[in-house]
Structures are given as structure tokens and as C-alpha cells.
Amino acid sequence: MAERSLAPDNKPLPPYLSLEVDRVGEELIYKVACSGRPAQTLLSTLDDIIQALLLVEPIICEIREKGRK
């Protein structure tokens, strides 16, 4: 569920940016690479991912909690 909620909305990604998400159990592992651009571009991408995670996490936790009841 989280993978779909956090999938990039600007597909296709720009050619200088690569993003891979792997799921291992309940963990999501992000692999992000940015080449030929300033470091700020990578930092902005990481910030977008973190902001999305902060929005989605409480919703996923609530759904899981309701499923346990």
C-alpha cells in the first residue's frame, strides 16, 4: 500500500534522476541517484520523499490498527 501511495507522480522521471523502491518486510528501501545536477536537486527530491512518508505513515498505521481489531 505504501509503495503505491509514495510512487512518483512525475513519471517519467527526468533523465538525470533515478529512483528505486524495494520492500523488505515492512521496510521500504529507497535508492535515489541524481547525476549532472547540483546537490540541491537531490536534496529536494529526498525532501519530497520524506514529506510524502510523513503524510502517509499515520494513515497506514491507522488502517493496520483497525485491521487488528
N, C-alpha and C. Protein backbone atom coordinates (compact mmCIF):
# COMPACT_ATOMS: atom_id res chain seq x y z
N MET A 1 0.82 -1.19 0.00
CA MET A 1 0.00 0.00 0.00
C MET A 1 0.86 1.26 0.00
N ALA A 2 1.86 1.31 0.85
CA ALA A 2 2.70 2.49 0.95
C ALA A 2 3.44 2.74 -0.35
N GLU A 3 3.87 1.67 -1.01
CA GLU A 3 4.61 1.85 -2.26
C GLU A 3 3.78 2.61 -3.29
N ARG A 4 2.51 2.24 -3.41
CA ARG A 4 1.63 2.93 -4.38
C ARG A 4 1.38 4.37 -3.96
N SER A 5 1.19 4.60 -2.67
CA SER A 5 0.93 5.95 -2.18
C SER A 5 2.12 6.86 -2.38
N LEU A 6 3.30 6.28 -2.35
CA LEU A 6 4.52 7.07 -2.42
C LEU A 6 5.18 7.03 -3.79
N ALA A 7 4.54 6.42 -4.76
CA ALA A 7 5.12 6.35 -6.11
C ALA A 7 5.26 7.76 -6.67
N PRO A 8 6.31 7.99 -7.45
CA PRO A 8 6.50 9.32 -8.03
C PRO A 8 5.30 9.71 -8.89
N ASP A 9 4.89 10.95 -8.78
CA ASP A 9 3.76 11.42 -9.58
C ASP A 9 4.21 12.10 -10.86
N ASN A 10 5.50 12.28 -11.02
CA ASN A 10 6.01 12.94 -12.22
C ASN A 10 6.75 11.94 -13.10
N LYS A 11 6.02 10.93 -13.56
CA LYS A 11 6.61 9.94 -14.45
C LYS A 11 6.45 10.41 -15.88
N PRO A 12 7.38 10.17 -16.74
CA PRO A 12 8.67 9.57 -16.43
C PRO A 12 9.55 10.54 -15.68
N LEU A 13 10.45 9.99 -14.88
CA LEU A 13 11.38 10.83 -14.13
C LEU A 13 12.33 11.52 -15.11
N PRO A 14 12.85 12.67 -14.72
CA PRO A 14 13.85 13.32 -15.57
C PRO A 14 15.06 12.39 -15.78
N PRO A 15 15.75 12.51 -16.89
CA PRO A 15 16.85 11.58 -17.19
C PRO A 15 18.00 11.62 -16.18
N TYR A 16 18.14 12.70 -15.47
CA TYR A 16 19.24 12.84 -14.50
C TYR A 16 18.90 12.22 -13.14
N LEU A 17 17.69 11.72 -12.99
CA LEU A 17 17.24 11.22 -11.69
C LEU A 17 16.80 9.77 -11.82
N SER A 18 17.21 8.95 -10.86
CA SER A 18 16.72 7.57 -10.81
C SER A 18 16.22 7.28 -9.40
N LEU A 19 15.16 6.49 -9.35
CA LEU A 19 14.52 6.18 -8.08
C LEU A 19 14.08 4.73 -8.12
N GLU A 20 14.47 4.00 -7.09
CA GLU A 20 14.07 2.60 -6.96
C GLU A 20 13.61 2.40 -5.53
N VAL A 21 12.51 1.70 -5.37
CA VAL A 21 11.97 1.41 -4.05
C VAL A 21 11.83 -0.09 -3.91
N ASP A 22 12.45 -0.63 -2.88
CA ASP A 22 12.34 -2.05 -2.58
C ASP A 22 11.61 -2.21 -1.26
N ARG A 23 10.84 -3.26 -1.17
CA ARG A 23 10.16 -3.56 0.09
C ARG A 23 10.76 -4.81 0.67
N VAL A 24 11.21 -4.72 1.92
CA VAL A 24 11.76 -5.85 2.65
C VAL A 24 10.95 -5.95 3.95
N GLY A 25 10.03 -6.90 3.97
CA GLY A 25 9.14 -6.99 5.13
C GLY A 25 8.28 -5.75 5.21
N GLU A 26 8.37 -5.06 6.31
CA GLU A 26 7.61 -3.82 6.49
C GLU A 26 8.44 -2.58 6.20
N GLU A 27 9.67 -2.77 5.72
CA GLU A 27 10.55 -1.64 5.42
C GLU A 27 10.52 -1.30 3.95
N LEU A 28 10.56 0.00 3.66
CA LEU A 28 10.75 0.47 2.30
C LEU A 28 12.16 1.00 2.19
N ILE A 29 12.87 0.56 1.18
CA ILE A 29 14.25 0.99 0.97
C ILE A 29 14.30 1.80 -0.32
N TYR A 30 14.64 3.06 -0.18
CA TYR A 30 14.72 3.96 -1.33
C TYR A 30 16.16 4.05 -1.81
N LYS A 31 16.32 3.94 -3.12
CA LYS A 31 17.62 4.15 -3.75
C LYS A 31 17.41 5.29 -4.74
N VAL A 32 18.04 6.43 -4.44
CA VAL A 32 17.87 7.62 -5.24
C VAL A 32 19.23 8.06 -5.75
N ALA A 33 19.31 8.35 -7.03
CA ALA A 33 20.56 8.85 -7.62
C ALA A 33 20.24 10.05 -8.49
N CYS A 34 21.15 10.99 -8.47
CA CYS A 34 21.00 12.21 -9.26
C CYS A 34 22.37 12.54 -9.83
N SER A 35 22.45 12.67 -11.14
CA SER A 35 23.75 12.96 -11.76
C SER A 35 23.66 14.17 -12.67
N GLY A 36 24.74 14.92 -12.68
CA GLY A 36 24.83 16.08 -13.56
C GLY A 36 24.02 17.27 -13.11
N ARG A 37 23.58 17.27 -11.89
CA ARG A 37 22.79 18.39 -11.33
C ARG A 37 23.39 18.78 -9.99
N PRO A 38 23.07 19.98 -9.53
CA PRO A 38 23.56 20.39 -8.20
C PRO A 38 23.01 19.49 -7.10
N ALA A 39 23.72 19.43 -6.01
CA ALA A 39 23.29 18.61 -4.87
C ALA A 39 21.91 19.04 -4.38
N GLN A 40 21.55 20.29 -4.58
CA GLN A 40 20.24 20.77 -4.14
C GLN A 40 19.11 20.01 -4.83
N THR A 41 19.33 19.57 -6.06
CA THR A 41 18.32 18.80 -6.77
C THR A 41 18.04 17.49 -6.04
N LEU A 42 19.11 16.81 -5.63
CA LEU A 42 18.96 15.56 -4.88
C LEU A 42 18.30 15.83 -3.54
N LEU A 43 18.72 16.87 -2.86
CA LEU A 43 18.13 17.20 -1.56
C LEU A 43 16.64 17.51 -1.69
N SER A 44 16.26 18.19 -2.74
CA SER A 44 14.84 18.49 -2.95
C SER A 44 14.03 17.22 -3.19
N THR A 45 14.60 16.30 -3.94
CA THR A 45 13.93 15.02 -4.19
C THR A 45 13.77 14.24 -2.89
N LEU A 46 14.83 14.19 -2.09
CA LEU A 46 14.75 13.49 -0.81
C LEU A 46 13.74 14.15 0.12
N ASP A 47 13.69 15.46 0.10
CA ASP A 47 12.71 16.19 0.91
C ASP A 47 11.29 15.83 0.48
N ASP A 48 11.05 15.74 -0.82
CA ASP A 48 9.73 15.35 -1.32
C ASP A 48 9.35 13.96 -0.82
N ILE A 49 10.29 13.04 -0.85
CA ILE A 49 10.03 11.67 -0.40
C ILE A 49 9.71 11.66 1.09
N ILE A 50 10.48 12.38 1.87
CA ILE A 50 10.26 12.43 3.32
C ILE A 50 8.90 13.05 3.64
N GLN A 51 8.55 14.12 2.95
CA GLN A 51 7.25 14.76 3.19
C GLN A 51 6.11 13.80 2.87
N ALA A 52 6.25 13.05 1.79
CA ALA A 52 5.22 12.07 1.43
C ALA A 52 5.12 10.98 2.49
N LEU A 53 6.26 10.52 2.99
CA LEU A 53 6.26 9.50 4.04
C LEU A 53 5.56 10.01 5.30
N LEU A 54 5.82 11.25 5.64
CA LEU A 54 5.20 11.83 6.84
C LEU A 54 3.69 11.92 6.69
N LEU A 55 3.20 12.13 5.49
CA LEU A 55 1.75 12.19 5.26
C LEU A 55 1.11 10.82 5.27
N VAL A 56 1.78 9.84 4.69
CA VAL A 56 1.20 8.51 4.51
C VAL A 56 1.30 7.65 5.77
N GLU A 57 2.36 7.80 6.54
CA GLU A 57 2.59 6.93 7.69
C GLU A 57 1.42 6.86 8.67
N PRO A 58 0.87 7.99 9.12
CA PRO A 58 -0.24 7.89 10.09
C PRO A 58 -1.47 7.18 9.50
N ILE A 59 -1.70 7.35 8.22
CA ILE A 59 -2.85 6.70 7.59
C ILE A 59 -2.65 5.20 7.55
N ILE A 60 -1.46 4.76 7.17
CA ILE A 60 -1.17 3.34 7.12
C ILE A 60 -1.24 2.72 8.52
N CYS A 61 -0.72 3.43 9.51
CA CYS A 61 -0.78 2.92 10.89
C CYS A 61 -2.22 2.79 11.35
N GLU A 62 -3.07 3.74 10.99
CA GLU A 62 -4.49 3.69 11.38
C GLU A 62 -5.18 2.50 10.71
N ILE A 63 -4.89 2.27 9.45
CA ILE A 63 -5.50 1.15 8.73
C ILE A 63 -5.06 -0.17 9.36
N ARG A 64 -3.79 -0.29 9.68
CA ARG A 64 -3.30 -1.51 10.30
C ARG A 64 -3.95 -1.74 11.65
N GLU A 65 -4.09 -0.68 12.43
CA GLU A 65 -4.69 -0.79 13.76
C GLU A 65 -6.15 -1.25 13.65
N LYS A 66 -6.88 -0.71 12.70
CA LYS A 66 -8.28 -1.12 12.51
C LYS A 66 -8.36 -2.57 12.07
N GLY A 67 -7.38 -3.03 11.30
CA GLY A 67 -7.37 -4.40 10.83
C GLY A 67 -7.10 -5.39 11.95
N ARG A 68 -6.46 -4.95 13.00
CA ARG A 68 -6.14 -5.84 14.14
C ARG A 68 -7.33 -6.00 15.08
N LYS A 69 -8.29 -5.11 14.99
CA LYS A 69 -9.44 -5.15 15.91
C LYS A 69 -10.50 -6.09 15.42
